Protein backbone atom coordinates (compact mmCIF):
# COMPACT_ATOMS: atom_id res chain seq x y z
CA MET A 1 -6.57 -3.77 -13.92
CA TRP A 2 -7.43 -0.99 -11.53
CA TRP A 3 -4.56 1.18 -11.38
CA PHE A 4 -3.80 3.59 -8.26
CA GLY A 5 -1.73 6.25 -9.41
CA GLY A 6 0.35 6.02 -12.46
CA HIS A 7 2.59 9.21 -12.11
CA ARG A 8 4.94 9.41 -9.21
CA GLN A 9 3.64 13.00 -8.36
CA GLN A 10 -0.18 11.91 -8.36
CA ARG A 11 -0.90 8.96 -6.11
CA VAL A 12 -4.33 7.28 -6.16
CA SER A 13 -5.77 9.28 -8.79
CA ALA A 14 -7.17 7.27 -11.47
CA LEU A 15 -8.85 3.98 -11.29
CA SER A 16 -9.30 1.69 -14.38
CA ARG A 17 -9.89 -2.13 -14.75
CA VAL A 18 -7.56 -3.79 -17.53
CA ASP A 19 -6.48 -7.60 -17.68
CA ARG A 20 -2.76 -8.64 -18.34
CA ALA A 21 -0.50 -11.66 -18.28
CA VAL A 22 2.81 -11.75 -16.39
CA ILE A 23 5.27 -14.44 -16.90
CA LEU A 24 7.00 -15.33 -13.64
CA ASP A 25 9.34 -18.37 -12.80
CA ALA A 26 6.50 -20.60 -11.63
CA GLY A 27 4.70 -19.89 -15.07
CA PRO A 28 1.93 -17.28 -16.52
CA LEU A 29 -0.15 -15.33 -13.99
CA ARG A 30 -3.33 -13.16 -14.76
CA VAL A 31 -3.04 -9.76 -13.03
CA GLN A 32 -6.21 -7.79 -12.77
CA VAL A 33 -5.09 -5.02 -10.12
CA CYS A 34 -1.94 -3.01 -9.98
CA ILE A 35 -0.63 -0.43 -7.46
CA ASP A 36 2.28 1.81 -8.16
CA CYS A 37 4.03 2.66 -4.88
CA LEU A 38 7.21 3.75 -6.38
CA GLY A 39 8.58 6.48 -4.21
CA ALA A 40 6.13 5.82 -1.39
CA VAL A 41 7.00 4.65 2.20
CA CYS A 42 5.29 2.79 4.97
CA PRO A 43 2.38 2.76 5.52
CA ARG A 44 1.09 3.87 2.00
CA PRO A 45 1.88 0.99 0.11
CA GLN A 46 0.04 -1.16 2.91
CA LEU A 47 -2.99 1.13 3.11
CA LEU A 48 -3.34 1.02 -0.58
CA THR A 49 -3.02 -2.77 -0.51
CA LEU A 50 -5.60 -3.20 2.15
CA ARG A 51 -8.02 -0.96 0.07
CA ALA A 52 -7.49 -2.81 -3.30
CA LEU A 53 -7.77 -6.29 -1.78
CA ASP A 54 -10.96 -4.91 0.01
CA GLN A 55 -12.38 -4.32 -3.53
CA MET A 56 -11.34 -7.29 -5.12
CA VAL A 57 -13.01 -10.61 -5.84
CA ASP A 58 -11.59 -13.81 -4.41
CA GLY A 59 -9.01 -15.37 -6.82
CA GLU A 60 -8.35 -11.80 -8.44
CA VAL A 61 -4.42 -10.92 -8.48
CA LEU A 62 -2.87 -7.99 -7.27
CA GLU A 63 0.71 -6.51 -8.36
CA LEU A 64 2.23 -4.08 -6.13
CA LEU A 65 5.20 -2.01 -7.31
CA VAL A 66 7.36 -0.75 -4.42
CA ASP A 67 11.04 0.68 -4.07
CA ASN A 68 11.02 0.70 -0.30
CA ALA A 69 12.53 -2.60 1.19
CA SER A 70 10.34 -2.52 4.18
CA SER A 71 7.11 -2.44 2.29
CA ALA A 72 8.81 -5.41 0.08
CA GLU A 73 9.04 -7.37 3.46
CA ALA A 74 5.77 -6.16 4.87
CA ILE A 75 3.36 -6.94 2.34
CA PRO A 76 3.73 -10.85 2.00
CA ALA A 77 3.03 -11.28 5.55
CA MET A 78 0.14 -8.59 5.93
CA GLY A 79 -1.51 -10.39 3.00
CA MET A 80 -1.76 -13.70 4.87
CA THR A 81 -3.43 -11.65 7.66
CA LEU A 82 -5.83 -10.20 5.30
CA GLY A 83 -6.85 -13.65 3.99
CA SER A 84 -4.71 -13.64 0.81
CA THR A 85 -1.70 -15.78 -0.91
CA HIS A 86 1.49 -14.20 -1.51
CA LEU A 87 2.40 -15.72 -4.92
CA ALA A 88 5.81 -13.90 -5.69
CA THR A 89 8.00 -11.05 -4.87
CA VAL A 90 10.43 -10.35 -7.74
CA ARG A 91 13.23 -7.84 -7.48
CA GLY A 92 13.90 -5.47 -10.78
CA THR A 93 16.10 -2.63 -11.29
CA ASP A 94 13.77 -0.03 -9.83
CA GLY A 95 12.10 -2.02 -7.02
CA TRP A 96 10.09 -5.01 -6.24
CA ARG A 97 6.97 -6.44 -7.88
CA ILE A 98 4.88 -8.33 -5.25
CA TYR A 99 2.17 -10.66 -6.41
CA VAL A 100 -0.78 -11.49 -3.97
CA ARG A 101 -4.13 -13.44 -4.79
CA LYS A 102 -7.12 -12.72 -2.84
CA GLY A 103 -7.86 -15.61 -0.88
CA TYR A 104 -6.05 -18.70 -0.01
CA VAL A 105 -4.92 -20.85 -2.59
CA GLU A 106 -4.53 -24.66 -1.93
CA ASN A 107 -2.01 -26.91 -3.49
CA GLU A 108 -1.28 -24.18 -6.16
CA GLY A 109 1.36 -25.19 -8.88
């Protein structure tokens, strides 16, 4: 998983690759890229998402952490214009987790 940030004071500082599973209502999902945008406002989450998707391989899944409602609404629609598939948006106590797969997915599920 690539991790952009990790500390609210230092965004976009460290990049590392890890692979982890996430359980959603639709079932398990493997996440390869995570961007922590907690505390960030538009357009930062969108720009970091664009950068990450540009570096990802088709089929990889991005998890974006946001606590800004406008970002939670904008990212799923933006993903479609970038040739990606919005998989889910999950509301948590500290914000939203948005899952996007690079590339279009036909007949998923």
